[in-house]
Structure formats: C-alpha cells, structure tokens
Protein backbone atom coordinates (compact mmCIF):
# COMPACT_ATOMS: atom_id res chain seq x y z
CA MET A 1 117.53 118.77 -46.80
CA VAL A 2 113.85 119.35 -47.47
CA THR A 3 112.46 121.95 -49.86
CA THR A 4 109.32 123.96 -49.22
CA ASP A 5 107.81 122.56 -52.41
CA GLU A 6 108.17 119.05 -51.07
CA LEU A 7 106.25 120.05 -47.95
CA ASP A 8 103.31 121.04 -50.19
CA ARG A 9 102.26 124.04 -48.10
CA SER A 10 100.84 126.26 -50.84
CA ALA A 11 99.02 129.45 -49.78
CA THR A 12 95.31 129.94 -50.32
CA SER A 13 94.32 133.15 -52.09
CA CYS A 14 91.00 134.91 -51.72
CA SER A 15 89.29 138.12 -52.69
CA PRO A 16 86.33 140.20 -51.55
CA GLY A 17 83.12 138.22 -51.39
CA HIS A 18 81.27 140.45 -53.85
CA GLY A 19 83.16 138.70 -56.70
CA ASP A 20 81.54 135.37 -55.86
CA PRO A 21 77.76 134.86 -56.35
CA SER A 22 77.73 132.79 -53.14
CA GLY A 23 79.19 135.69 -51.17
CA GLY A 24 82.23 133.65 -50.12
CA PRO A 25 85.95 134.19 -50.76
CA VAL A 26 87.16 133.88 -54.34
CA ASP A 27 90.20 131.95 -55.49
CA LEU A 28 92.56 134.38 -57.25
CA THR A 29 95.03 131.76 -58.43
CA HIS A 30 94.10 132.17 -62.10
CA ARG A 31 93.42 135.90 -62.08
CA PRO A 32 95.29 137.76 -64.85
CA GLN A 33 98.41 139.34 -63.45
CA ARG A 34 99.70 142.85 -64.02
CA ARG A 35 103.37 142.30 -63.34
CA SER A 36 105.80 145.09 -62.56
CA HIS A 37 109.04 144.96 -64.51
CA VAL A 38 110.78 147.33 -62.11
CA ASP A 39 113.59 145.74 -60.12
CA ILE A 40 115.04 148.29 -57.70
CA ARG A 41 118.11 147.20 -55.74
CA ASP A 42 119.92 148.81 -52.84
CA THR A 43 123.69 149.06 -52.37
CA LEU A 44 123.82 145.41 -51.27
CA HIS A 45 121.69 144.30 -54.24
CA ARG A 46 118.64 143.70 -52.02
CA PRO A 47 115.32 144.15 -53.84
CA LEU A 48 112.40 146.28 -52.72
CA ALA A 49 109.91 143.43 -52.34
CA SER A 50 108.21 143.39 -48.94
CA LEU A 51 106.34 146.21 -47.18
CA ARG A 52 104.96 146.21 -43.64
CA VAL A 53 102.22 148.77 -43.19
CA SER A 54 101.33 149.91 -39.68
CA VAL A 55 97.79 151.24 -39.38
CA THR A 56 97.95 152.35 -35.73
CA ASP A 57 100.43 152.82 -32.92
CA ARG A 58 97.82 151.81 -30.32
CA CYS A 59 97.71 148.38 -28.72
CA ASN A 60 95.37 146.63 -26.29
CA LEU A 61 98.20 144.65 -24.66
CA ARG A 62 101.28 145.79 -22.74
CA CYS A 63 103.85 143.08 -23.47
CA THR A 64 106.96 143.41 -21.35
CA TYR A 65 109.31 143.08 -24.34
CA CYS A 66 107.55 145.78 -26.38
CA MET A 67 105.47 148.17 -24.22
CA PRO A 68 106.65 147.74 -20.61
CA GLU A 69 106.22 151.37 -19.51
CA ASP A 70 103.16 152.91 -17.87
CA GLU A 71 102.78 155.87 -20.22
CA TYR A 72 103.41 156.47 -23.91
CA ILE A 73 103.34 159.35 -26.36
CA TRP A 74 100.92 158.62 -29.20
CA LEU A 75 100.97 159.84 -32.77
CA PRO A 76 98.58 162.77 -33.37
CA ARG A 77 95.33 161.47 -34.86
CA GLN A 78 95.38 164.00 -37.69
CA SER A 79 98.73 162.62 -38.82
CA ILE A 80 97.44 159.06 -39.30
CA LEU A 81 97.11 158.04 -42.95
CA THR A 82 93.62 157.39 -44.27
CA TYR A 83 92.86 154.10 -45.95
CA GLU A 84 92.79 155.82 -49.32
CA GLU A 85 96.25 157.28 -48.65
CA ILE A 86 97.58 153.87 -47.63
CA GLN A 87 96.06 152.34 -50.76
CA ARG A 88 97.71 154.95 -52.94
CA LEU A 89 101.13 154.53 -51.35
CA GLY A 90 100.70 150.76 -51.51
CA GLY A 91 100.05 151.05 -55.23
CA VAL A 92 103.21 153.11 -55.71
CA PHE A 93 105.26 150.54 -53.80
CA ALA A 94 103.68 147.71 -55.82
CA SER A 95 104.61 149.48 -59.04
CA LEU A 96 108.23 149.44 -57.83
CA GLY A 97 108.30 145.69 -57.21
CA VAL A 98 106.66 145.14 -53.80
CA SER A 99 104.59 141.95 -53.95
CA LYS A 100 104.28 141.18 -50.22
CA VAL A 101 102.32 143.48 -47.91
CA ARG A 102 101.78 142.83 -44.22
CA ILE A 103 99.34 144.90 -42.15
CA THR A 104 100.70 145.59 -38.67
CA GLY A 105 100.42 147.97 -35.70
CA GLY A 106 100.38 148.38 -32.71
CA GLU A 107 97.41 146.11 -32.87
CA PRO A 108 95.92 146.56 -36.36
CA LEU A 109 92.47 145.23 -35.44
CA LEU A 110 91.99 148.30 -33.23
CA ARG A 111 91.75 150.39 -36.42
CA GLN A 112 88.10 150.92 -37.26
CA ASP A 113 86.73 149.11 -40.32
CA LEU A 114 90.05 147.42 -41.11
CA PRO A 115 88.48 145.01 -43.65
CA GLU A 116 87.87 148.05 -45.86
CA LEU A 117 91.63 148.60 -46.10
CA VAL A 118 92.19 144.89 -46.73
CA GLN A 119 89.77 145.05 -49.65
CA LEU A 120 91.52 148.12 -51.09
CA LEU A 121 94.97 146.48 -50.91
CA ALA A 122 93.72 143.08 -52.11
CA GLY A 123 92.44 144.75 -55.27
CA ASP A 124 95.99 145.35 -56.54
CA PRO A 125 96.99 142.31 -58.65
CA GLN A 126 100.67 143.01 -58.01
CA VAL A 127 100.21 142.24 -54.29
CA ARG A 128 100.51 138.47 -54.27
CA ASP A 129 100.82 138.01 -50.50
CA LEU A 130 98.60 140.13 -48.24
CA SER A 131 98.88 139.20 -44.58
CA LEU A 132 98.09 140.51 -41.11
CA THR A 133 99.93 140.27 -37.79
CA THR A 134 97.67 140.43 -34.75
CA ASN A 135 97.71 139.64 -31.04
CA GLY A 136 94.38 137.89 -31.56
CA ILE A 137 92.32 139.62 -28.87
CA LEU A 138 89.76 140.91 -31.40
CA LEU A 139 90.38 138.32 -34.10
CA GLY A 140 87.46 135.99 -33.44
CA GLY A 141 84.86 138.60 -34.28
CA MET A 142 86.59 139.76 -37.46
CA VAL A 143 88.01 136.70 -39.20
CA ARG A 144 85.05 136.21 -41.51
CA SER A 145 85.02 139.82 -42.74
CA LEU A 146 88.82 139.76 -43.15
CA ARG A 147 88.60 136.56 -45.17
CA HIS A 148 85.88 137.93 -47.43
CA ALA A 149 87.76 141.21 -47.86
CA GLY A 150 90.68 139.33 -49.45
CA LEU A 151 93.23 138.74 -46.69
CA HIS A 152 95.49 135.81 -47.59
CA ARG A 153 97.20 134.91 -44.32
CA ILE A 154 97.28 135.62 -40.59
CA THR A 155 100.19 135.64 -38.18
CA LEU A 156 99.18 135.38 -34.53
CA SER A 157 101.43 136.62 -31.74
CA LEU A 158 101.23 134.21 -28.81
CA ASP A 159 104.06 133.88 -26.29
CA SER A 160 102.56 131.50 -23.73
CA LEU A 161 99.91 128.79 -23.55
CA ARG A 162 99.46 129.38 -19.84
CA PRO A 163 96.84 132.01 -18.91
CA GLU A 164 98.69 133.18 -15.81
CA ARG A 165 101.89 133.75 -17.80
CA PHE A 166 99.95 135.47 -20.56
CA GLU A 167 98.52 137.87 -17.99
CA ALA A 168 101.94 138.53 -16.45
CA LEU A 169 103.41 139.24 -19.89
CA THR A 170 100.58 141.29 -21.40
CA ARG A 171 98.60 142.69 -18.44
CA SER A 172 95.50 141.12 -19.99
CA ARG A 173 93.26 138.23 -18.97
CA ARG A 174 91.95 137.62 -22.51
CA HIS A 175 94.05 134.55 -23.24
CA ASP A 176 90.95 132.54 -24.15
CA ASP A 177 89.96 135.17 -26.75
CA VAL A 178 93.31 134.71 -28.50
CA LEU A 179 92.89 130.93 -28.69
CA GLU A 180 89.30 131.30 -29.90
CA GLY A 181 90.46 133.73 -32.60
CA LEU A 182 92.92 131.14 -33.89
CA ARG A 183 90.23 128.46 -33.97
CA ARG A 184 87.78 130.71 -35.81
CA ALA A 185 90.41 131.74 -38.34
CA HIS A 186 90.91 128.11 -39.27
CA ALA A 187 87.16 127.50 -39.35
CA VAL A 188 86.54 130.22 -41.95
CA GLY A 189 89.28 128.91 -44.22
CA PHE A 190 92.55 130.63 -43.28
CA ARG A 191 95.54 128.37 -43.88
CA GLU A 192 99.31 128.88 -43.68
CA THR A 193 98.73 130.55 -40.30
CA LYS A 194 101.87 131.41 -38.37
CA ILE A 195 102.24 131.71 -34.61
CA ASN A 196 104.96 134.12 -33.48
CA THR A 197 106.47 133.30 -30.10
CA VAL A 198 109.13 135.53 -28.56
CA VAL A 199 111.26 133.27 -26.39
CA VAL A 200 112.52 134.87 -23.18
CA ARG A 201 114.87 132.95 -20.92
CA GLY A 202 113.41 132.23 -17.52
CA PHE A 203 109.91 133.15 -18.61
CA ASN A 204 108.59 130.91 -21.41
CA ASP A 205 111.62 128.97 -22.66
CA ASP A 206 110.14 125.86 -21.04
CA GLU A 207 107.15 126.04 -23.44
CA ILE A 208 109.05 125.46 -26.69
CA VAL A 209 107.96 121.83 -27.00
CA ASP A 210 104.41 122.72 -25.98
CA MET A 211 104.26 125.36 -28.71
CA ILE A 212 105.29 122.81 -31.35
CA ASP A 213 102.47 120.51 -30.22
CA PHE A 214 99.95 123.37 -30.07
CA ALA A 215 100.80 124.65 -33.54
CA ARG A 216 100.59 121.15 -35.03
CA ALA A 217 97.19 120.56 -33.41
CA ASN A 218 95.92 123.82 -34.89
CA GLU A 219 97.45 123.25 -38.37
CA ALA A 220 99.69 126.29 -37.92
CA GLU A 221 103.45 126.81 -37.95
CA VAL A 222 105.19 128.29 -34.94
CA ARG A 223 107.98 130.80 -35.42
CA PHE A 224 110.23 131.16 -32.40
CA ILE A 225 111.70 134.66 -32.24
CA GLU A 226 114.86 135.55 -30.39
CA TYR A 227 114.27 138.39 -27.92
CA MET A 228 115.37 141.55 -29.78
CA ASP A 229 116.87 144.80 -28.47
CA VAL A 230 114.66 147.02 -30.62
CA GLY A 231 112.89 150.25 -29.68
CA GLY A 232 110.48 149.67 -26.80
CA ALA A 233 112.49 146.80 -25.31
CA THR A 234 113.76 149.01 -22.48
CA ARG A 235 114.33 146.03 -20.18
CA TRP A 236 116.17 143.89 -22.75
CA SER A 237 119.24 141.93 -21.70
CA MET A 238 121.42 139.53 -23.65
CA ASP A 239 121.07 137.13 -20.71
CA ALA A 240 117.37 136.81 -21.57
CA VAL A 241 118.02 135.79 -25.19
CA VAL A 242 117.57 132.12 -26.08
CA PRO A 243 119.60 131.64 -29.29
CA LYS A 244 118.46 129.65 -32.30
CA ARG A 245 120.86 126.79 -31.72
CA GLU A 246 119.44 126.25 -28.23
CA ILE A 247 115.84 126.39 -29.44
CA VAL A 248 116.53 123.80 -32.14
CA SER A 249 118.34 121.61 -29.63
CA VAL A 250 115.36 121.64 -27.27
CA VAL A 251 113.04 120.65 -30.13
CA GLU A 252 115.34 117.84 -31.31
CA ARG A 253 115.63 116.34 -27.83
CA ARG A 254 111.87 115.83 -27.82
CA PHE A 255 110.98 115.18 -31.48
CA GLY A 256 114.12 113.97 -33.23
CA HIS A 257 116.26 115.49 -35.95
CA ALA A 258 115.17 118.89 -37.28
CA GLU A 259 116.01 118.95 -40.98
CA PRO A 260 116.67 122.44 -42.44
CA VAL A 261 114.10 123.33 -45.09
CA LEU A 262 115.69 124.73 -48.22
CA PRO A 263 113.94 127.78 -49.71
CA ALA A 264 112.19 126.94 -52.97
CA ASN A 265 112.77 130.37 -54.50
CA ALA A 266 114.45 133.74 -53.96
CA THR A 267 111.44 135.15 -52.12
CA GLN A 268 111.52 132.38 -49.54
CA GLN A 269 115.30 132.74 -49.27
CA ARG A 270 114.78 136.32 -48.06
CA ALA A 271 112.21 135.29 -45.42
CA PRO A 272 113.33 136.08 -41.86
CA ALA A 273 112.79 132.58 -40.45
CA ASP A 274 115.10 129.60 -40.77
CA ARG A 275 112.66 126.72 -41.21
CA PHE A 276 113.00 123.10 -40.09
CA ALA A 277 111.05 119.89 -40.66
CA LEU A 278 110.63 117.18 -38.02
CA PRO A 279 110.44 113.45 -38.80
CA ASP A 280 106.62 113.51 -38.77
CA GLY A 281 106.53 116.39 -41.27
CA THR A 282 105.80 119.12 -38.73
CA THR A 283 107.58 122.36 -39.61
CA PHE A 284 108.67 125.25 -37.45
CA GLY A 285 110.84 128.30 -37.83
CA VAL A 286 113.32 130.36 -35.84
CA ILE A 287 113.90 134.06 -36.40
CA ALA A 288 117.42 134.62 -35.13
CA SER A 289 117.74 138.37 -35.65
CA THR A 290 119.73 138.82 -32.43
CA THR A 291 122.43 136.15 -32.75
CA GLU A 292 122.42 135.36 -36.49
CA PRO A 293 121.20 138.47 -38.37
CA PHE A 294 119.90 138.09 -41.91
CA CYS A 295 120.49 141.73 -42.93
CA ARG A 296 122.19 140.95 -46.24
CA ASN A 297 119.06 139.19 -47.51
CA CYS A 298 116.53 141.61 -46.03
CA ASP A 299 114.03 143.01 -48.54
CA ARG A 300 111.66 144.49 -45.93
CA SER A 301 110.76 148.06 -45.19
CA ARG A 302 108.11 149.61 -42.95
CA LEU A 303 105.53 152.34 -43.31
CA THR A 304 104.37 153.84 -40.02
CA ALA A 305 100.76 154.80 -39.44
CA ASP A 306 101.64 158.45 -40.06
CA GLY A 307 103.57 157.84 -43.26
CA LYS A 308 107.22 157.54 -42.22
CA TRP A 309 109.03 155.01 -44.39
CA LEU A 310 111.68 153.07 -42.44
CA LEU A 311 114.29 151.01 -44.27
CA CYS A 312 115.37 148.98 -41.23
CA LEU A 313 113.82 147.93 -37.95
CA TYR A 314 116.78 149.57 -36.20
CA ALA A 315 116.78 152.77 -38.30
CA ASP A 316 116.95 156.06 -36.40
CA THR A 317 115.01 158.03 -38.99
CA GLY A 318 112.76 157.49 -41.99
CA LEU A 319 111.53 159.20 -45.13
CA ASP A 320 108.35 161.26 -44.65
CA LEU A 321 105.91 160.24 -47.38
CA ARG A 322 102.83 161.81 -45.81
CA GLN A 323 103.98 165.37 -46.42
CA PRO A 324 104.53 165.08 -50.20
CA LEU A 325 101.44 162.87 -50.51
CA ARG A 326 99.21 165.48 -48.91
CA ALA A 327 100.96 168.30 -50.72
CA GLY A 328 99.83 166.93 -54.06
CA ALA A 329 102.78 164.84 -55.27
CA THR A 330 102.01 162.62 -58.24
CA ASP A 331 102.50 158.86 -58.16
CA ALA A 332 105.57 159.30 -60.36
CA GLU A 333 107.06 161.81 -57.93
CA LEU A 334 106.39 159.54 -54.97
CA ALA A 335 107.92 156.63 -56.87
CA ARG A 336 111.07 158.65 -57.51
CA LEU A 337 111.38 159.54 -53.81
CA ILE A 338 111.02 155.88 -52.83
CA SER A 339 113.28 154.42 -55.51
CA ASP A 340 116.02 157.00 -54.95
CA ARG A 341 116.06 156.31 -51.22
CA TRP A 342 116.05 152.52 -51.66
CA ARG A 343 118.95 152.63 -54.10
CA GLN A 344 120.99 154.43 -51.43
CA ARG A 345 120.08 151.93 -48.70
CA THR A 346 123.01 150.58 -46.71
CA ASP A 347 121.11 149.48 -43.56
CA ARG A 348 122.39 146.45 -41.65
CA GLY A 349 121.04 147.32 -38.21
CA ALA A 350 121.00 143.87 -36.63
CA GLU A 351 124.52 143.10 -37.86
CA GLU A 352 125.79 146.36 -36.41
CA ARG A 353 124.14 145.60 -33.08
CA LEU A 354 125.76 142.15 -33.08
CA ARG A 355 129.19 143.78 -33.40
CA SER A 356 128.55 146.19 -30.53
CA PRO A 357 131.17 145.57 -27.79
CA VAL A 358 128.76 146.56 -25.02
CA ARG A 359 125.19 145.53 -25.81
CA SER A 360 122.35 147.06 -23.83
CA PRO A 361 118.81 148.23 -24.74
CA LEU A 362 118.84 150.20 -27.98
CA TYR A 363 117.01 153.17 -26.44
CA GLN A 364 116.30 154.39 -22.95
CA VAL A 365 112.83 155.67 -22.08
CA GLU A 366 113.82 159.33 -22.47
CA ALA A 367 115.01 158.79 -26.04
CA LEU A 368 111.79 156.98 -26.96
CA ARG A 369 109.67 159.80 -25.57
CA ARG A 370 111.62 162.35 -27.59
CA ASP A 371 110.77 160.42 -30.77
CA PRO A 372 107.89 157.92 -30.54
CA HIS A 373 108.74 156.71 -34.06
CA ARG A 374 111.50 154.68 -32.41
CA GLU A 375 108.96 152.59 -30.53
CA MET A 376 108.38 149.08 -31.81
CA HIS A 377 104.62 149.50 -31.51
CA THR A 378 104.85 152.56 -33.78
CA ARG A 379 107.03 151.17 -36.54
CA GLY A 380 105.44 147.72 -36.70
CA GLY A 381 106.98 144.28 -36.35
C-alpha cells in the first residue's frame, strides 16, 4: 500500500496579502503556533476536529440530487450570522480542538464580500486547514482575492464534463464558467484542489474514466461520491447508487490496479474519502457514505448559516448557538455548550440508514418545508 507522505502532496498555506510587501500570499508554514490542548471526545471517542461552516442557504444551481423542487423556503435574512459572529464561533470551536474549517453553502460565493470572512478565519493560528467548497460558477472572478485573503484549498463540485448534461443536472448553461474557475484557481497558486463528482447511475456513471483524465490534466484529485439519501434528495433511489467497489472496478479496467493509499496520520484516517493511487501516480478518492459508512471515524460537524450546530449530516435537530451568542454569552459559556453536547454525541446517521430494511428518500417535500434546516443546501455538504 501507498502512504500519503510517499505521494508528496503537501498543502500550500497562505495568508492575507497585507502581510507580504509584494501584496501576494504569504507562506504560513513557519508561523508560530498557538496550539489548543483541549481534546474533546464523544461517546465513540471521536474528536471534535473538523467544522463545516455554511454562510448561506442560497444557491445559483438546482442540482437534481440536492435542489430538485421548484420552490424552497429560505432562512430569514435577519437570522443569518454576520462574519464577526462566525469568526467568534469559529474561535470558540478552534479553542476546543477544531483545526479544519470548510466554508460551504448553498453556494458560498453568493455571500457578499466572502474574502473578508476568509481573512477573519485565516487569522486564527489554530485553524491549520481552511478550505472552500463551491460549484465554481463565480469562482473565476474571486480566486485571486480568496487566495490573498488566506484560503488554503478549494473543492470544486463538478458532476459532468458534458455541457448538455451539466445543464440537465443543474438547470444552468454556465458549464464553461466552472471550467474557467478551475483553471484560474490553479493559475493564482491554489494546489491540492479536489473535484467532487456525485455519481448517479444512468446519468454520469459513464464519465468516471473521463473525470480521472480531466482531474489529472488539471493537477487536481477527483473524489467520486456515492449518491446519498440526505435532506433535499427527494428523488433518491438505491437503484441510482453506484457503489465504491463498482467505481474502483471501472477505473482499474482502464488504468490498471488501484492501490489503496494508507493515511499518514489520524487526521487523514478520519477523512471521508478512501483514496487510491494508480500505476502512474494519479490519485483519486471515493466517498462511500451510502454503502460503506465511515461514521465511527467521523469528526465533522456543521454550522448552518443561521447558527444551528449539527452533529451529523443526517441529524434531525441541532443546537442553536445564535440565540446565546446574541444574548451575550461569553466565549467560555459557548465553549461549555459545545463541549457538553459533543461529549454526549452518539450520531451514526449513515450506519443507521444502511440498516434500514426499507430505504427510500430520507424526507419527503412536506417534511423539508416544515423545517428547512433539513435541506442539504441549508446544512452544507
């Protein structure tokens, strides 16, 4: 087996341009670190280490596996956390051991002046991995400001290389803008870019090999994601799921043996993707949440744009952090709320769904409209 260290794919760190006389991104590799000694574990001994922060529930695409309906109920604008509120909560989470923060949505680049939030979060030395997931529509015009603000990595959602399929999936004709965004991201210095591809049987499962070639040509790594029955996937069916073993088999028939990549450390061991290396050194990943859940290693939680903290992608409810935050709670009081809830965490949503004798969409439309926090575009990917 191959280790990630052997693949020599180290991340590039950067910080706001004002720290560099040239105005460009600054290497933070040797910056003094303020390490947290807190190690909070849940009932299954899973650490609190990774936080996904949604900044908006709005999206400029209507992907069939996430937002297939014609109308949605949106979060009230006055409930959306300000950047300063997100920064403060992020600092509390970092003090409790969170070192990985991913900015999500909806589509996060729809949030006005997003680089300002990136700069605020990048200023915390305890956040060692600050990334962004985007559909790429607006990426081309923002990559330089995101890079200078201190963003470390980008994950691009792209489910088809064919414009007509992209339009059928997303109800958008801006396929070229997504590809241009990826090219510009590389041009300004982003590395370790990931491409997320949800594989749906009968729709894009014939593009698996093409995606490997495309990612290699763009110095990115593709992550194939099994179609998940999460909130928003109202038309999900198990028949449409292409399992990991089948994806790997398709890749091997074209490129040769796919060697599993051993995680180099505990953080990589908890990553959602199973990674593989091909004979030419190309790597790819598969996120098999539907058929091979990784719940017992999951260190991720999610903060919605209006301050609900969700401990599992499948969770029915979350902890409201906006109310105590705006009511004047101190950082210590917020930290106690968060740590107490995490220590009680028992969530294994994907495993429980796998054991379900009759598996259908997690929620029907009526249930999603009663509580929009159940929507995938609200809780973040």
